[in-house]
Amino acid sequence: EDAENLFGIATARKWTFNKNVDASTSGVASPTHLYPYVACSSDPFLSGYKRIQAMDSLLSTASTPPLGSGETYFIGTTIVNELKARTCIFVSSHVDPYKTIIENELVAADDNSLDYFEYQPLMFAMKIVAGTTDELLRRMEQPDPDQDAMSLYASTCPVYSNYAKLGLRTRAQMGQDMLDFLVGSDSIDSVQSLYNSSFYVEAEQDASIDSTVRMDWWAGIINTVTEATDPTTGTNVCFDAVISQRLQLEQGYRNRLRVFVENDVDANDVRLTKEEFQDCLMYVVAGLALHPYVCQMEPEFFSVPFPETSPAPTIAAPTADFDWFEDFDALSETSSAPTWKLLNLYYVCFHVLTMVAMVKLLL
């Protein structure tokens, strides 16, 4: 029950955050304003394919270009498809379509009930595959001599592949968006900054929220790294010596990004202690999981060397233009690595709060 209550608070805050981002855009269309959601249809009279069509129809009916240009939403991969239960997909979107659906009690073209439609913001803990955090910490404490980089897979959200396909933004530009987000570039709206994106940071500062040990741990990572910025010079060793010099993004298979951060370095070279360097590496994980381009993160399962390419930060050109995601396998379905055990499977979280109830409450 406590986990469900906490999940409800986090969901409410996420809806509010996404609304605030939309309100701060000042008429500028950008893929970074399209946040990820999970949309589900449980219509028992439709097949999985028809459910996706119905959700697309519903979103299309509710959508108008909100900022003068650009798309309102993009539908992505099917992540749950239970023939007699429900079908769920990733969607990158503004908040407005769901507000319109609820306020106007819209239904899809085939007149299926709105009661069958659910919508949930994709939050930090939902993006990190079970066991990821513990496995990364283990690798830091017991480094593999053949691995000189922390390496991760980041499965991208629908906005990433669609913006690239439509020629609205290159993958290299979107890679730079993610790097700017990590280092707090001036190009990032303060409302949408990494620090302000974290519910865990907010929860740590709000005595009314009974945060978990893992939530406080993540908040501590973000606070420690961001507060290390020199107020006079604006320098930050994690940003300047690690992220800006030792991080690379490479286009992987099926719209996955491969994330490399070189970790076989002399502490004197980066002017960080071992603990500070590990905090910096986990800050990268937190930052990418908070970014709207990323829908899922997990470690690579085999030791890999740091790419011998020209200087980081870079994002390599894609080798293929796939429009679907790699299927994923959690490291452990019983791990307590994500903040809440409740979130070890996407399916569980869909039953906590329906989109209808949450949107009526929050919009």
Protein backbone atom coordinates (compact mmCIF):
# COMPACT_ATOMS: atom_id res chain seq x y z
CA GLU A 1 0.00 0.00 0.00
CA ASP A 2 2.85 2.38 0.83
CA ALA A 3 4.43 1.68 -2.55
CA GLU A 4 1.14 2.38 -4.33
CA ASN A 5 0.70 5.66 -2.46
CA LEU A 6 4.25 6.70 -3.31
CA PHE A 7 3.72 5.74 -6.92
CA GLY A 8 0.55 7.85 -6.97
CA ILE A 9 2.40 10.89 -5.59
CA ALA A 10 5.22 10.42 -8.11
CA THR A 11 2.72 10.12 -10.96
CA ALA A 12 0.88 13.27 -9.90
CA ARG A 13 4.14 15.22 -9.69
CA LYS A 14 5.19 13.91 -13.11
CA TRP A 15 1.96 15.09 -14.73
CA THR A 16 2.51 18.51 -13.18
CA PHE A 17 6.13 18.62 -14.32
CA ASN A 18 5.18 17.72 -17.90
CA LYS A 19 2.48 20.41 -17.89
CA ASN A 20 5.02 22.96 -16.67
CA VAL A 21 7.43 22.01 -19.47
CA ASP A 22 4.68 22.52 -22.05
CA ALA A 23 3.83 25.89 -20.49
CA SER A 24 7.45 27.05 -20.61
CA THR A 25 8.09 26.29 -24.29
CA SER A 26 7.25 29.82 -25.46
CA GLY A 27 6.04 28.64 -28.86
CA VAL A 28 9.23 26.74 -29.75
CA ALA A 29 8.65 23.21 -31.02
CA SER A 30 11.31 20.79 -29.85
CA PRO A 31 11.58 16.99 -29.48
CA THR A 32 12.79 17.53 -25.90
CA HIS A 33 9.29 18.74 -25.03
CA LEU A 34 7.72 15.39 -25.99
CA TYR A 35 7.86 13.24 -22.86
CA PRO A 36 7.40 9.46 -22.81
CA TYR A 37 4.25 7.74 -21.63
CA VAL A 38 2.83 4.23 -21.60
CA ALA A 39 -0.59 3.99 -23.26
CA CYS A 40 -2.72 0.89 -22.81
CA SER A 41 -5.96 -0.42 -24.25
CA SER A 42 -7.83 -3.25 -22.51
CA ASP A 43 -10.73 -3.47 -24.98
CA PRO A 44 -11.66 -7.17 -24.89
CA PHE A 45 -13.33 -7.02 -28.29
CA LEU A 46 -10.21 -5.93 -30.21
CA SER A 47 -7.00 -7.65 -31.23
CA GLY A 48 -3.65 -6.21 -30.20
CA TYR A 49 -3.25 -4.54 -33.60
CA LYS A 50 -6.75 -3.05 -33.44
CA ARG A 51 -6.12 -1.76 -29.93
CA ILE A 52 -3.06 0.12 -31.18
CA GLN A 53 -5.12 1.53 -34.05
CA ALA A 54 -7.80 2.62 -31.58
CA MET A 55 -5.24 4.37 -29.35
CA ASP A 56 -3.69 6.07 -32.38
CA SER A 57 -7.16 7.18 -33.53
CA LEU A 58 -7.97 8.54 -30.09
CA LEU A 59 -4.73 10.50 -29.84
CA SER A 60 -5.08 11.76 -33.40
CA THR A 61 -8.62 12.99 -32.77
CA ALA A 62 -7.45 14.87 -29.68
CA SER A 63 -4.32 16.36 -31.21
CA THR A 64 -3.58 19.64 -32.91
CA PRO A 65 -0.09 21.06 -33.51
CA PRO A 66 0.46 22.72 -30.11
CA LEU A 67 3.38 24.99 -30.93
CA GLY A 68 2.84 26.06 -34.49
CA SER A 69 5.05 23.32 -35.91
CA GLY A 70 6.20 19.83 -35.08
CA GLU A 71 4.25 16.73 -34.15
CA THR A 72 1.96 16.35 -31.15
CA TYR A 73 2.74 12.70 -30.48
CA PHE A 74 4.57 9.65 -31.80
CA ILE A 75 3.58 6.03 -31.20
CA GLY A 76 6.35 3.52 -30.65
CA THR A 77 6.98 -0.08 -29.70
CA THR A 78 4.46 -2.52 -28.31
CA ILE A 79 5.71 -3.49 -24.85
CA VAL A 80 2.79 -5.58 -23.58
CA ASN A 81 0.40 -7.53 -25.81
CA GLU A 82 -1.84 -9.94 -23.95
CA LEU A 83 -4.55 -11.08 -26.31
CA LYS A 84 -7.40 -11.19 -23.79
CA ALA A 85 -6.14 -8.55 -21.39
CA ARG A 86 -4.41 -5.45 -22.73
CA THR A 87 -1.98 -3.98 -25.23
CA CYS A 88 0.50 -1.28 -24.16
CA ILE A 89 2.79 0.93 -26.22
CA PHE A 90 5.35 3.68 -25.71
CA VAL A 91 4.18 7.15 -26.77
CA SER A 92 6.14 10.42 -26.92
CA SER A 93 3.73 13.28 -26.45
CA HIS A 94 2.67 16.61 -25.01
CA VAL A 95 0.11 16.65 -22.19
CA ASP A 96 -2.64 18.39 -24.18
CA PRO A 97 -4.00 15.37 -26.11
CA TYR A 98 -4.90 13.56 -22.89
CA LYS A 99 -6.45 16.65 -21.38
CA THR A 100 -8.56 16.98 -24.54
CA ILE A 101 -9.58 13.32 -24.40
CA ILE A 102 -10.83 13.60 -20.83
CA GLU A 103 -12.45 17.04 -21.06
CA ASN A 104 -14.35 16.11 -24.24
CA GLU A 105 -14.92 12.46 -23.36
CA LEU A 106 -13.54 11.45 -26.72
CA VAL A 107 -13.69 7.91 -28.04
CA ALA A 108 -11.80 6.28 -30.88
CA ALA A 109 -13.17 5.89 -34.39
CA ASP A 110 -14.61 2.44 -33.63
CA ASP A 111 -16.48 3.86 -30.61
CA ASN A 112 -14.68 1.73 -28.07
CA SER A 113 -15.20 2.96 -24.52
CA LEU A 114 -12.84 5.46 -23.01
CA ASP A 115 -12.91 3.18 -19.97
CA TYR A 116 -10.59 0.84 -21.89
CA PHE A 117 -7.89 3.49 -22.33
CA GLU A 118 -5.14 4.05 -19.71
CA TYR A 119 -2.22 6.42 -19.74
CA GLN A 120 0.81 6.62 -17.47
CA PRO A 121 3.85 8.95 -17.59
CA LEU A 122 7.00 6.89 -17.98
CA MET A 123 8.99 7.70 -14.88
CA PHE A 124 12.59 7.23 -13.78
CA ALA A 125 12.18 3.91 -11.93
CA MET A 126 10.11 2.45 -14.76
CA LYS A 127 12.92 3.09 -17.24
CA ILE A 128 15.69 1.22 -15.42
CA VAL A 129 15.57 -2.54 -15.97
CA ALA A 130 15.54 -4.61 -12.78
CA GLY A 131 19.01 -5.16 -11.35
CA THR A 132 20.73 -2.44 -13.35
CA THR A 133 21.76 -0.23 -10.43
CA ASP A 134 23.13 -3.08 -8.31
CA GLU A 135 24.98 -4.57 -11.27
CA LEU A 136 26.68 -1.28 -12.12
CA LEU A 137 27.72 -0.77 -8.51
CA ARG A 138 29.09 -4.32 -8.41
CA ARG A 139 31.13 -3.71 -11.54
CA MET A 140 32.59 -0.56 -10.03
CA GLU A 141 33.62 -2.38 -6.87
CA GLN A 142 34.87 -5.48 -8.73
CA PRO A 143 36.16 -4.10 -12.03
CA ASP A 144 36.78 -6.44 -14.93
CA PRO A 145 40.38 -6.03 -16.15
CA ASP A 146 39.12 -6.29 -19.74
CA GLN A 147 36.53 -3.55 -19.28
CA ASP A 148 37.71 0.05 -19.15
CA ALA A 149 34.28 1.63 -19.59
CA MET A 150 30.89 1.67 -17.94
CA SER A 151 28.69 0.56 -20.82
CA LEU A 152 24.92 0.76 -21.06
CA TYR A 153 22.13 0.24 -23.54
CA ALA A 154 19.63 3.10 -23.73
CA SER A 155 16.50 2.22 -25.71
CA THR A 156 15.19 5.42 -27.21
CA CYS A 157 11.61 6.69 -27.15
CA PRO A 158 9.45 7.15 -30.27
CA VAL A 159 10.34 10.84 -30.66
CA TYR A 160 14.00 9.98 -31.25
CA SER A 161 13.56 7.69 -34.26
CA ASN A 162 10.65 9.68 -35.73
CA TYR A 163 12.38 13.05 -35.59
CA ALA A 164 15.37 11.48 -37.33
CA LYS A 165 13.20 9.75 -39.94
CA LEU A 166 11.28 12.94 -40.72
CA GLY A 167 14.49 14.96 -41.00
CA LEU A 168 13.39 17.29 -38.20
CA ARG A 169 16.55 16.65 -36.17
CA THR A 170 19.59 14.48 -36.72
CA ARG A 171 20.68 11.78 -34.32
CA ALA A 172 23.89 13.70 -33.73
CA GLN A 173 21.88 16.77 -32.70
CA MET A 174 19.73 14.69 -30.36
CA GLY A 175 22.85 13.12 -28.89
CA GLN A 176 24.09 16.62 -28.15
CA ASP A 177 20.71 17.39 -26.54
CA MET A 178 21.34 14.58 -24.07
CA LEU A 179 24.89 15.70 -23.34
CA ASP A 180 23.74 19.30 -22.80
CA PHE A 181 21.11 18.01 -20.38
CA LEU A 182 23.75 16.13 -18.37
CA VAL A 183 26.07 19.11 -17.95
CA GLY A 184 23.40 21.75 -17.39
CA SER A 185 24.04 23.68 -20.58
CA ASP A 186 22.56 27.17 -20.86
CA SER A 187 20.54 25.85 -23.80
CA ILE A 188 18.40 23.83 -21.36
CA ASP A 189 15.32 25.59 -19.98
CA SER A 190 15.64 25.75 -16.18
CA VAL A 191 12.17 24.23 -15.81
CA GLN A 192 13.41 21.19 -17.72
CA SER A 193 16.85 20.89 -16.13
CA LEU A 194 18.12 17.55 -14.86
CA TYR A 195 17.95 18.75 -11.26
CA ASN A 196 14.35 19.94 -11.59
CA SER A 197 13.38 16.78 -13.51
CA SER A 198 14.07 14.50 -10.55
CA PHE A 199 11.15 13.60 -8.31
CA TYR A 200 13.67 12.02 -5.93
CA VAL A 201 15.39 15.36 -5.34
CA GLU A 202 12.01 16.97 -4.76
CA ALA A 203 10.93 14.16 -2.41
CA GLU A 204 14.09 14.47 -0.33
CA GLN A 205 13.28 18.13 0.30
CA ASP A 206 9.56 17.56 1.00
CA ALA A 207 8.90 16.28 4.52
CA SER A 208 5.39 15.20 3.52
CA ILE A 209 6.79 12.51 1.17
CA ASP A 210 8.00 9.33 2.84
CA SER A 211 10.85 8.61 0.42
CA THR A 212 12.71 5.30 0.31
CA VAL A 213 16.40 4.68 1.00
CA ARG A 214 17.04 4.14 -2.72
CA MET A 215 15.23 7.34 -3.64
CA ASP A 216 17.36 9.30 -1.16
CA TRP A 217 20.48 7.61 -2.53
CA TRP A 218 19.71 8.76 -6.08
CA ALA A 219 18.85 12.26 -4.84
CA GLY A 220 22.18 12.33 -3.02
CA ILE A 221 24.03 11.46 -6.23
CA ILE A 222 22.36 14.30 -8.14
CA ASN A 223 22.83 16.79 -5.33
CA THR A 224 26.47 15.88 -4.74
CA VAL A 225 27.44 16.27 -8.40
CA THR A 226 25.47 19.43 -9.14
CA GLU A 227 26.56 21.15 -5.92
CA ALA A 228 30.20 20.57 -6.85
CA THR A 229 29.92 23.31 -9.49
CA ASP A 230 32.20 26.22 -8.62
CA PRO A 231 29.93 29.25 -8.15
CA THR A 232 32.64 31.63 -9.38
CA THR A 233 34.00 29.87 -12.45
CA GLY A 234 31.08 27.57 -13.24
CA THR A 235 33.46 24.62 -13.53
CA ASN A 236 32.47 21.14 -12.45
CA VAL A 237 34.99 18.29 -12.60
CA CYS A 238 32.37 15.63 -13.32
CA PHE A 239 30.95 17.69 -16.19
CA ASP A 240 34.27 18.97 -17.55
CA ALA A 241 36.67 16.05 -17.08
CA VAL A 242 34.35 13.04 -17.26
CA ILE A 243 31.14 13.74 -19.20
CA SER A 244 32.69 16.20 -21.65
CA GLN A 245 35.87 14.17 -22.17
CA ARG A 246 35.15 10.52 -21.42
CA LEU A 247 31.56 9.88 -22.47
CA GLN A 248 30.49 8.57 -25.88
CA LEU A 249 27.12 7.75 -27.38
CA GLU A 250 27.02 5.32 -30.30
CA GLN A 251 24.03 4.33 -32.39
CA GLY A 252 23.28 0.69 -31.62
CA TYR A 253 20.91 -1.88 -33.02
CA ARG A 254 17.20 -1.14 -33.38
CA ASN A 255 17.22 2.39 -32.07
CA ARG A 256 19.28 1.59 -29.05
CA LEU A 257 22.05 3.89 -28.02
CA ARG A 258 25.24 2.43 -26.59
CA VAL A 259 26.53 4.62 -23.79
CA PHE A 260 30.20 4.45 -22.82
CA VAL A 261 31.91 6.29 -19.98
CA GLU A 262 35.63 5.60 -19.64
CA ASN A 263 36.29 4.50 -16.06
CA ASP A 264 39.83 3.13 -16.24
CA VAL A 265 41.40 6.48 -15.43
CA ASP A 266 43.85 7.83 -12.88
CA ALA A 267 42.01 9.72 -10.15
CA ASN A 268 44.68 12.39 -10.31
CA ASP A 269 43.90 12.99 -13.98
CA VAL A 270 40.28 13.86 -13.28
CA ARG A 271 40.86 15.36 -9.81
CA LEU A 272 38.17 13.17 -8.24
CA THR A 273 38.35 10.58 -5.48
CA LYS A 274 37.19 7.04 -6.26
CA GLU A 275 33.88 7.74 -4.53
CA GLU A 276 33.40 11.03 -6.38
CA PHE A 277 34.18 9.36 -9.69
CA GLN A 278 31.62 6.62 -9.01
CA ASP A 279 29.06 9.28 -8.08
CA CYS A 280 29.76 10.95 -11.42
CA LEU A 281 29.20 7.69 -13.31
CA MET A 282 25.89 7.08 -11.56
CA TYR A 283 24.92 10.71 -12.20
CA VAL A 284 25.22 9.90 -15.91
CA VAL A 285 22.86 6.96 -15.45
CA ALA A 286 20.38 9.13 -13.54
CA GLY A 287 20.56 11.94 -16.10
CA LEU A 288 19.96 9.71 -19.10
CA ALA A 289 17.05 7.96 -17.36
CA LEU A 290 15.47 11.39 -16.75
CA HIS A 291 15.84 12.50 -20.37
CA PRO A 292 12.71 12.40 -22.60
CA TYR A 293 14.58 10.58 -25.39
CA VAL A 294 15.26 7.51 -23.22
CA CYS A 295 12.59 4.89 -22.47
CA GLN A 296 14.68 2.09 -21.01
CA MET A 297 18.19 1.52 -19.66
CA GLU A 298 20.21 -1.59 -18.83
CA PRO A 299 23.89 -2.53 -18.73
CA GLU A 300 25.63 -4.33 -21.53
CA PHE A 301 26.04 -7.91 -20.45
CA PHE A 302 29.61 -8.41 -21.62
CA SER A 303 32.81 -6.54 -20.91
CA VAL A 304 33.58 -3.97 -23.57
CA PRO A 305 36.51 -1.61 -24.11
CA PHE A 306 36.10 2.13 -24.42
CA PRO A 307 35.67 2.90 -28.15
CA GLU A 308 38.86 4.00 -29.86
CA THR A 309 37.28 6.92 -31.66
CA SER A 310 37.76 10.65 -31.72
CA PRO A 311 37.18 12.63 -28.70
CA ALA A 312 34.15 12.34 -26.51
CA PRO A 313 31.49 13.47 -26.22
CA THR A 314 30.38 12.10 -29.57
CA ILE A 315 27.47 10.29 -31.11
CA ALA A 316 28.39 8.07 -34.02
CA ALA A 317 26.35 7.96 -37.21
CA PRO A 318 23.81 5.12 -37.25
CA THR A 319 24.60 2.00 -39.24
CA ALA A 320 20.94 1.39 -40.01
CA ASP A 321 17.64 3.21 -39.67
CA PHE A 322 15.51 0.80 -37.65
CA ASP A 323 12.15 1.91 -36.31
CA TRP A 324 11.62 -0.67 -33.58
CA PHE A 325 13.24 -1.66 -30.32
CA GLU A 326 15.29 -4.64 -29.30
CA ASP A 327 13.38 -6.99 -27.02
CA PHE A 328 14.70 -6.78 -23.49
CA ASP A 329 15.53 -9.26 -20.75
CA ALA A 330 15.71 -8.06 -17.19
CA LEU A 331 18.79 -9.08 -15.26
CA SER A 332 16.58 -10.27 -12.45
CA GLU A 333 12.84 -10.17 -12.05
CA THR A 334 13.22 -10.38 -8.27
CA SER A 335 15.89 -7.72 -7.82
CA SER A 336 15.14 -4.74 -5.60
CA ALA A 337 17.42 -2.49 -7.66
CA PRO A 338 14.68 -0.14 -8.91
CA THR A 339 13.29 2.20 -6.29
CA TRP A 340 10.13 0.18 -5.79
CA LYS A 341 9.81 -3.59 -6.13
CA LEU A 342 6.35 -2.81 -7.44
CA LEU A 343 7.98 -1.55 -10.62
CA ASN A 344 10.05 -4.62 -11.51
CA LEU A 345 7.57 -5.31 -14.32
CA TYR A 346 5.82 -2.67 -16.40
CA TYR A 347 2.63 -4.66 -16.21
CA VAL A 348 2.24 -4.12 -12.47
CA CYS A 349 2.46 -0.36 -12.62
CA PHE A 350 -0.36 -0.12 -15.16
CA HIS A 351 -2.79 -1.38 -12.53
CA VAL A 352 -1.86 1.20 -9.91
CA LEU A 353 -3.55 4.30 -11.37
CA THR A 354 -5.55 4.62 -14.55
CA MET A 355 -5.00 7.47 -16.92
CA VAL A 356 -8.64 8.59 -16.56
CA ALA A 357 -8.43 9.04 -12.79
CA MET A 358 -5.07 10.75 -12.86
CA VAL A 359 -5.88 13.19 -15.64
CA LYS A 360 -9.21 14.17 -14.09
CA LEU A 361 -7.34 14.88 -10.89
CA LEU A 362 -4.41 16.76 -12.36
CA LEU A 363 -5.45 18.61 -15.50
